[in-house]
PDB file of N, CA and C in Angstrom:
ATOM      1  N   MET A   1      52.716 -19.459 -41.175  1.00  0.00           N
ATOM      2  CA  MET A   1      52.180 -18.246 -40.601  1.00  0.00           C
ATOM      3  C   MET A   1      52.888 -17.044 -41.202  1.00  0.00           C
ATOM      4  N   ALA A   2      52.143 -16.116 -41.719  1.00  0.00           N
ATOM      5  CA  ALA A   2      52.742 -14.916 -42.297  1.00  0.00           C
ATOM      6  C   ALA A   2      53.292 -14.026 -41.197  1.00  0.00           C
ATOM      7  N   ASN A   3      54.465 -13.446 -41.456  1.00  0.00           N
ATOM      8  CA  ASN A   3      55.093 -12.508 -40.519  1.00  0.00           C
ATOM      9  C   ASN A   3      55.312 -13.095 -39.131  1.00  0.00           C
ATOM     10  N   SER A   4      55.558 -14.356 -39.043  1.00  0.00           N
ATOM     11  CA  SER A   4      55.818 -14.964 -37.746  1.00  0.00           C
ATOM     12  C   SER A   4      57.318 -15.141 -37.563  1.00  0.00           C
ATOM     13  N   LYS A   5      57.710 -15.303 -36.316  1.00  0.00           N
ATOM     14  CA  LYS A   5      59.107 -15.566 -35.979  1.00  0.00           C
ATOM     15  C   LYS A   5      59.142 -16.790 -35.076  1.00  0.00           C
ATOM     16  N   LYS A   6      60.204 -17.521 -35.184  1.00  0.00           N
ATOM     17  CA  LYS A   6      60.412 -18.636 -34.271  1.00  0.00           C
ATOM     18  C   LYS A   6      60.886 -18.072 -32.938  1.00  0.00           C
ATOM     19  N   LEU A   7      60.574 -18.771 -31.864  1.00  0.00           N
ATOM     20  CA  LEU A   7      60.992 -18.338 -30.537  1.00  0.00           C
ATOM     21  C   LEU A   7      62.507 -18.153 -30.492  1.00  0.00           C
ATOM     22  N   SER A   8      63.232 -19.030 -31.144  1.00  0.00           N
ATOM     23  CA  SER A   8      64.699 -18.927 -31.175  1.00  0.00           C
ATOM     24  C   SER A   8      65.154 -17.656 -31.897  1.00  0.00           C
ATOM     25  N   GLU A   9      64.426 -17.236 -32.937  1.00  0.00           N
ATOM     26  CA  GLU A   9      64.762 -15.993 -33.645  1.00  0.00           C
ATOM     27  C   GLU A   9      64.530 -14.779 -32.740  1.00  0.00           C
ATOM     28  N   LEU A  10      63.406 -14.787 -32.016  1.00  0.00           N
ATOM     29  CA  LEU A  10      63.127 -13.693 -31.090  1.00  0.00           C
ATOM     30  C   LEU A  10      64.191 -13.630 -30.003  1.00  0.00           C
ATOM     31  N   ALA A  11      64.609 -14.786 -29.518  1.00  0.00           N
ATOM     32  CA  ALA A  11      65.641 -14.836 -28.486  1.00  0.00           C
ATOM     33  C   ALA A  11      66.950 -14.248 -29.007  1.00  0.00           C
ATOM     34  N   ALA A  12      67.313 -14.586 -30.230  1.00  0.00           N
ATOM     35  CA  ALA A  12      68.544 -14.051 -30.814  1.00  0.00           C
ATOM     36  C   ALA A  12      68.472 -12.530 -30.960  1.00  0.00           C
ATOM     37  N   ILE A  13      67.317 -12.024 -31.369  1.00  0.00           N
ATOM     38  CA  ILE A  13      67.135 -10.574 -31.502  1.00  0.00           C
ATOM     39  C   ILE A  13      67.314  -9.894 -30.149  1.00  0.00           C
ATOM     40  N   GLU A  14      66.790 -10.520 -29.102  1.00  0.00           N
ATOM     41  CA  GLU A  14      66.856  -9.955 -27.748  1.00  0.00           C
ATOM     42  C   GLU A  14      68.156 -10.289 -27.021  1.00  0.00           C
ATOM     43  N   GLY A  15      68.983 -11.138 -27.599  1.00  0.00           N
ATOM     44  CA  GLY A  15      70.224 -11.540 -26.949  1.00  0.00           C
ATOM     45  C   GLY A  15      69.973 -12.406 -25.728  1.00  0.00           C
ATOM     46  N   ALA A  16      68.968 -13.263 -25.805  1.00  0.00           N
ATOM     47  CA  ALA A  16      68.575 -14.118 -24.677  1.00  0.00           C
ATOM     48  C   ALA A  16      68.459 -15.554 -25.144  1.00  0.00           C
ATOM     49  N   GLN A  17      68.303 -16.450 -24.192  1.00  0.00           N
ATOM     50  CA  GLN A  17      68.030 -17.851 -24.488  1.00  0.00           C
ATOM     51  C   GLN A  17      66.532 -18.022 -24.736  1.00  0.00           C
ATOM     52  N   ALA A  18      66.166 -18.902 -25.640  1.00  0.00           N
ATOM     53  CA  ALA A  18      64.750 -19.140 -25.947  1.00  0.00           C
ATOM     54  C   ALA A  18      63.972 -19.534 -24.696  1.00  0.00           C
ATOM     55  N   GLN A  19      64.593 -20.329 -23.830  1.00  0.00           N
ATOM     56  CA  GLN A  19      63.918 -20.775 -22.614  1.00  0.00           C
ATOM     57  C   GLN A  19      63.531 -19.597 -21.725  1.00  0.00           C
ATOM     58  N   SER A  20      64.355 -18.539 -21.719  1.00  0.00           N
ATOM     59  CA  SER A  20      64.040 -17.404 -20.855  1.00  0.00           C
ATOM     60  C   SER A  20      62.915 -16.542 -21.414  1.00  0.00           C
ATOM     61  N   LEU A  21      62.606 -16.686 -22.683  1.00  0.00           N
ATOM     62  CA  LEU A  21      61.498 -15.916 -23.262  1.00  0.00           C
ATOM     63  C   LEU A  21      60.168 -16.662 -23.194  1.00  0.00           C
ATOM     64  N   THR A  22      60.203 -17.927 -22.870  1.00  0.00           N
ATOM     65  CA  THR A  22      58.984 -18.729 -22.856  1.00  0.00           C
ATOM     66  C   THR A  22      57.913 -18.127 -21.957  1.00  0.00           C
ATOM     67  N   ARG A  23      58.258 -17.753 -20.752  1.00  0.00           N
ATOM     68  CA  ARG A  23      57.275 -17.191 -19.813  1.00  0.00           C
ATOM     69  C   ARG A  23      56.730 -15.852 -20.334  1.00  0.00           C
ATOM     70  N   VAL A  24      57.596 -15.040 -20.902  1.00  0.00           N
ATOM     71  CA  VAL A  24      57.162 -13.747 -21.450  1.00  0.00           C
ATOM     72  C   VAL A  24      56.157 -13.971 -22.571  1.00  0.00           C
ATOM     73  N   VAL A  25      56.469 -14.896 -23.473  1.00  0.00           N
ATOM     74  CA  VAL A  25      55.579 -15.188 -24.598  1.00  0.00           C
ATOM     75  C   VAL A  25      54.255 -15.774 -24.098  1.00  0.00           C
ATOM     76  N   GLN A  26      54.315 -16.615 -23.070  1.00  0.00           N
ATOM     77  CA  GLN A  26      53.078 -17.156 -22.493  1.00  0.00           C
ATOM     78  C   GLN A  26      52.196 -16.026 -21.956  1.00  0.00           C
ATOM     79  N   ASP A  27      52.797 -15.076 -21.258  1.00  0.00           N
ATOM     80  CA  ASP A  27      52.037 -13.930 -20.733  1.00  0.00           C
ATOM     81  C   ASP A  27      51.435 -13.098 -21.868  1.00  0.00           C
ATOM     82  N   LEU A  28      52.222 -12.861 -22.909  1.00  0.00           N
ATOM     83  CA  LEU A  28      51.716 -12.096 -24.061  1.00  0.00           C
ATOM     84  C   LEU A  28      50.567 -12.839 -24.743  1.00  0.00           C
ATOM     85  N   GLU A  29      50.669 -14.147 -24.797  1.00  0.00           N
ATOM     86  CA  GLU A  29      49.595 -14.945 -25.405  1.00  0.00           C
ATOM     87  C   GLU A  29      48.317 -14.843 -24.558  1.00  0.00           C
ATOM     88  N   ARG A  30      48.455 -14.935 -23.246  1.00  0.00           N
ATOM     89  CA  ARG A  30      47.288 -14.808 -22.360  1.00  0.00           C
ATOM     90  C   ARG A  30      46.614 -13.444 -22.513  1.00  0.00           C
ATOM     91  N   GLN A  31      47.402 -12.417 -22.778  1.00  0.00           N
ATOM     92  CA  GLN A  31      46.881 -11.065 -22.962  1.00  0.00           C
ATOM     93  C   GLN A  31      46.307 -10.856 -24.364  1.00  0.00           C
ATOM     94  N   GLY A  32      46.466 -11.846 -25.239  1.00  0.00           N
ATOM     95  CA  GLY A  32      45.955 -11.738 -26.604  1.00  0.00           C
ATOM     96  C   GLY A  32      46.849 -10.923 -27.520  1.00  0.00           C
ATOM     97  N   ARG A  33      48.098 -10.709 -27.120  1.00  0.00           N
ATOM     98  CA  ARG A  33      49.021  -9.887 -27.918  1.00  0.00           C
ATOM     99  C   ARG A  33      49.800 -10.685 -28.957  1.00  0.00           C
ATOM    100  N   VAL A  34      49.950 -11.990 -28.736  1.00  0.00           N
ATOM    101  CA  VAL A  34      50.610 -12.874 -29.699  1.00  0.00           C
ATOM    102  C   VAL A  34      49.858 -14.196 -29.763  1.00  0.00           C
ATOM    103  N   THR A  35      50.105 -14.925 -30.836  1.00  0.00           N
ATOM    104  CA  THR A  35      49.634 -16.307 -30.936  1.00  0.00           C
ATOM    105  C   THR A  35      50.859 -17.191 -31.097  1.00  0.00           C
ATOM    106  N   ARG A  36      50.771 -18.397 -30.571  1.00  0.00           N
ATOM    107  CA  ARG A  36      51.851 -19.378 -30.705  1.00  0.00           C
ATOM    108  C   ARG A  36      51.295 -20.612 -31.377  1.00  0.00           C
ATOM    109  N   ARG A  37      52.065 -21.154 -32.300  1.00  0.00           N
ATOM    110  CA  ARG A  37      51.685 -22.401 -32.966  1.00  0.00           C
ATOM    111  C   ARG A  37      52.925 -23.242 -33.174  1.00  0.00           C
ATOM    112  N   ARG A  38      52.717 -24.523 -33.118  1.00  0.00           N
ATOM    113  CA  ARG A  38      53.803 -25.451 -33.391  1.00  0.00           C
ATOM    114  C   ARG A  38      54.192 -25.287 -34.848  1.00  0.00           C
ATOM    115  N   SER A  39      55.474 -25.176 -35.139  1.00  0.00           N
ATOM    116  CA  SER A  39      55.918 -25.003 -36.525  1.00  0.00           C
ATOM    117  C   SER A  39      55.672 -26.278 -37.322  1.00  0.00           C
ATOM    118  N   SER A  40      55.796 -26.169 -38.611  1.00  0.00           N
ATOM    119  CA  SER A  40      55.515 -27.313 -39.491  1.00  0.00           C
ATOM    120  C   SER A  40      56.437 -28.497 -39.206  1.00  0.00           C
ATOM    121  N   ASP A  41      57.655 -28.241 -38.752  1.00  0.00           N
ATOM    122  CA  ASP A  41      58.550 -29.360 -38.436  1.00  0.00           C
ATOM    123  C   ASP A  41      58.371 -29.863 -36.999  1.00  0.00           C
ATOM    124  N   LYS A  42      57.479 -29.224 -36.243  1.00  0.00           N
ATOM    125  CA  LYS A  42      57.082 -29.623 -34.887  1.00  0.00           C
ATOM    126  C   LYS A  42      58.213 -29.575 -33.870  1.00  0.00           C
ATOM    127  N   ARG A  43      59.335 -28.948 -34.231  1.00  0.00           N
ATOM    128  CA  ARG A  43      60.447 -28.853 -33.285  1.00  0.00           C
ATOM    129  C   ARG A  43      60.505 -27.505 -32.579  1.00  0.00           C
ATOM    130  N   CYS A  44      59.743 -26.536 -33.055  1.00  0.00           N
ATOM    131  CA  CYS A  44      59.773 -25.214 -32.445  1.00  0.00           C
ATOM    132  C   CYS A  44      58.413 -24.550 -32.608  1.00  0.00           C
ATOM    133  N   GLN A  45      58.296 -23.345 -32.091  1.00  0.00           N
ATOM    134  CA  GLN A  45      57.027 -22.624 -32.140  1.00  0.00           C
ATOM    135  C   GLN A  45      57.169 -21.383 -33.008  1.00  0.00           C
ATOM    136  N   ASP A  46      56.102 -21.069 -33.730  1.00  0.00           N
ATOM    137  CA  ASP A  46      56.035 -19.828 -34.486  1.00  0.00           C
ATOM    138  C   ASP A  46      55.210 -18.842 -33.662  1.00  0.00           C
ATOM    139  N   ILE A  47      55.723 -17.633 -33.504  1.00  0.00           N
ATOM    140  CA  ILE A  47      55.065 -16.589 -32.726  1.00  0.00           C
ATOM    141  C   ILE A  47      54.639 -15.487 -33.687  1.00  0.00           C
ATOM    142  N   GLN A  48      53.399 -15.030 -33.548  1.00  0.00           N
ATOM    143  CA  GLN A  48      52.914 -13.952 -34.408  1.00  0.00           C
ATOM    144  C   GLN A  48      52.195 -12.923 -33.539  1.00  0.00           C
ATOM    145  N   VAL A  49      52.468 -11.655 -33.827  1.00  0.00           N
ATOM    146  CA  VAL A  49      51.812 -10.558 -33.118  1.00  0.00           C
ATOM    147  C   VAL A  49      50.382 -10.437 -33.646  1.00  0.00           C
ATOM    148  N   THR A  50      49.426 -10.260 -32.720  1.00  0.00           N
ATOM    149  CA  THR A  50      48.037 -10.080 -33.108  1.00  0.00           C
ATOM    150  C   THR A  50      47.745  -8.584 -33.272  1.00  0.00           C
ATOM    151  N   LYS A  51      46.565  -8.246 -33.726  1.00  0.00           N
ATOM    152  CA  LYS A  51      46.174  -6.844 -33.848  1.00  0.00           C
ATOM    153  C   LYS A  51      46.222  -6.144 -32.488  1.00  0.00           C
ATOM    154  N   THR A  52      45.834  -6.861 -31.433  1.00  0.00           N
ATOM    155  CA  THR A  52      45.893  -6.301 -30.078  1.00  0.00           C
ATOM    156  C   THR A  52      47.329  -5.975 -29.687  1.00  0.00           C
ATOM    157  N   GLY A  53      48.267  -6.773 -30.129  1.00  0.00           N
ATOM    158  CA  GLY A  53      49.679  -6.580 -29.781  1.00  0.00           C
ATOM    159  C   GLY A  53      50.415  -5.571 -30.619  1.00  0.00           C
ATOM    160  N   GLU A  54      49.787  -5.085 -31.669  1.00  0.00           N
ATOM    161  CA  GLU A  54      50.467  -4.114 -32.549  1.00  0.00           C
ATOM    162  C   GLU A  54      50.623  -2.771 -31.880  1.00  0.00           C
TER     163      GLU A  54
END
């Protein structure tokens, strides 16, 4: 995914645990502001901002 970040990277930027951002990312996804996809290694998720979320 172009310009995507792993949930763990976003957590590090925010100074939080990845688990605590899960609910926030779920809400953003429901609002159409981000998309989530399983990463190629299937151990984490890639998050990408959509046009609506820009």
